[in-house]
Amino acid sequence: MGSRIIWLKRAISPANHAMAKKFPLHPSHPERVCWGCDKYCPTDAMGCGNGSSRTQHPIELLGDDWLDYGDWGIEAPDASARGPAPA
């Protein structure tokens, strides 16, 4: 069991973590998807085994400028590529 714990720690370390799919920075309907893993399952058919509740997208928690705060490890496009700010 000790080796399993070590493996899990290595699997989730920031140096080893890479998303299999490109993470959407501004999804149109983030409330319709679970963002907890790379499967991006619909909220009514989660396939990752969690089953209890969905993981929210950072835009739902922090707002449209969520990428400007914190170290997310995601390359941010420049401001001109984002388009106009929402009204």
Protein backbone atom coordinates (compact mmCIF):
# COMPACT_ATOMS: atom_id res chain seq x y z
CA MET A 1 0.00 0.00 0.00
CA GLY A 2 2.89 2.36 0.62
CA SER A 3 3.98 2.21 -3.02
CA ARG A 4 0.46 3.12 -4.13
CA ILE A 5 0.52 6.28 -2.02
CA ILE A 6 3.88 7.29 -3.46
CA TRP A 7 2.60 6.70 -6.99
CA LEU A 8 -0.47 8.85 -6.35
CA LYS A 9 1.68 11.67 -4.98
CA ARG A 10 3.88 11.54 -8.09
CA ALA A 11 0.86 11.40 -10.40
CA ILE A 12 -0.63 14.62 -9.06
CA SER A 13 2.55 16.62 -8.60
CA PRO A 14 2.60 19.85 -10.64
CA ALA A 15 5.76 18.80 -12.50
CA ASN A 16 4.13 15.61 -13.81
CA HIS A 17 0.64 16.96 -14.45
CA ALA A 18 -0.37 17.70 -18.02
CA MET A 19 -3.91 18.00 -19.30
CA ALA A 20 -4.81 15.58 -22.08
CA LYS A 21 -7.25 18.08 -23.61
CA LYS A 22 -6.85 21.81 -24.02
CA PHE A 23 -8.59 23.56 -21.12
CA PRO A 24 -11.22 26.07 -22.34
CA LEU A 25 -10.54 29.51 -20.87
CA HIS A 26 -14.01 30.99 -21.46
CA PRO A 27 -16.58 28.22 -22.08
CA SER A 28 -20.02 29.35 -23.20
CA HIS A 29 -21.97 27.22 -20.67
CA PRO A 30 -19.58 26.07 -17.91
CA GLU A 31 -22.49 24.99 -15.70
CA ARG A 32 -23.32 22.11 -18.06
CA VAL A 33 -19.98 20.31 -17.62
CA CYS A 34 -17.97 18.73 -14.80
CA TRP A 35 -14.43 20.14 -14.97
CA GLY A 36 -12.85 17.70 -12.49
CA CYS A 37 -10.92 15.60 -15.04
CA ASP A 38 -10.08 15.45 -18.74
CA LYS A 39 -13.37 13.76 -19.66
CA TYR A 40 -15.49 16.96 -19.33
CA CYS A 41 -18.65 14.91 -18.71
CA PRO A 42 -22.17 16.37 -18.81
CA THR A 43 -23.49 17.01 -15.31
CA ASP A 44 -26.18 14.35 -15.65
CA ALA A 45 -23.79 11.59 -16.81
CA MET A 46 -20.47 11.83 -15.00
CA GLY A 47 -18.17 8.96 -15.92
CA CYS A 48 -15.15 9.55 -13.71
CA GLY A 49 -16.59 7.77 -10.69
CA ASN A 50 -17.15 10.88 -8.61
CA GLY A 51 -20.91 10.88 -9.02
CA SER A 52 -21.62 13.12 -6.05
CA SER A 53 -21.22 16.60 -7.48
CA ARG A 54 -19.50 18.32 -10.36
CA THR A 55 -16.33 20.38 -10.20
CA GLN A 56 -16.97 23.98 -11.19
CA HIS A 57 -14.95 25.85 -13.80
CA PRO A 58 -12.83 28.68 -12.32
CA ILE A 59 -14.87 31.23 -14.30
CA GLU A 60 -17.92 30.23 -12.21
CA LEU A 61 -16.05 30.79 -8.96
CA LEU A 62 -13.84 33.80 -9.74
CA GLY A 63 -15.47 35.58 -12.69
CA ASP A 64 -14.40 36.35 -16.26
CA ASP A 65 -10.93 37.54 -15.22
CA TRP A 66 -10.11 34.31 -13.34
CA LEU A 67 -6.95 33.73 -15.38
CA ASP A 68 -5.41 37.02 -14.23
CA TYR A 69 -5.16 35.88 -10.60
CA GLY A 70 -3.07 33.00 -9.31
CA ASP A 71 -0.68 30.59 -10.98
CA TRP A 72 -2.80 28.22 -13.06
CA GLY A 73 0.01 26.89 -15.23
CA ILE A 74 -1.92 27.88 -18.37
CA GLU A 75 -0.54 30.08 -21.11
CA ALA A 76 -2.79 33.12 -21.22
CA PRO A 77 -3.48 34.77 -24.57
CA ASP A 78 -2.73 38.47 -24.77
CA ALA A 79 -5.58 40.89 -24.08
CA SER A 80 -6.17 41.66 -27.77
CA ALA A 81 -6.76 37.96 -28.56
CA ARG A 82 -9.45 37.69 -25.86
CA GLY A 83 -11.78 40.10 -27.56
CA PRO A 84 -13.85 42.81 -25.90
CA ALA A 85 -14.68 42.53 -22.24
CA PRO A 86 -18.25 41.38 -21.51
CA ALA A 87 -20.66 44.19 -20.62
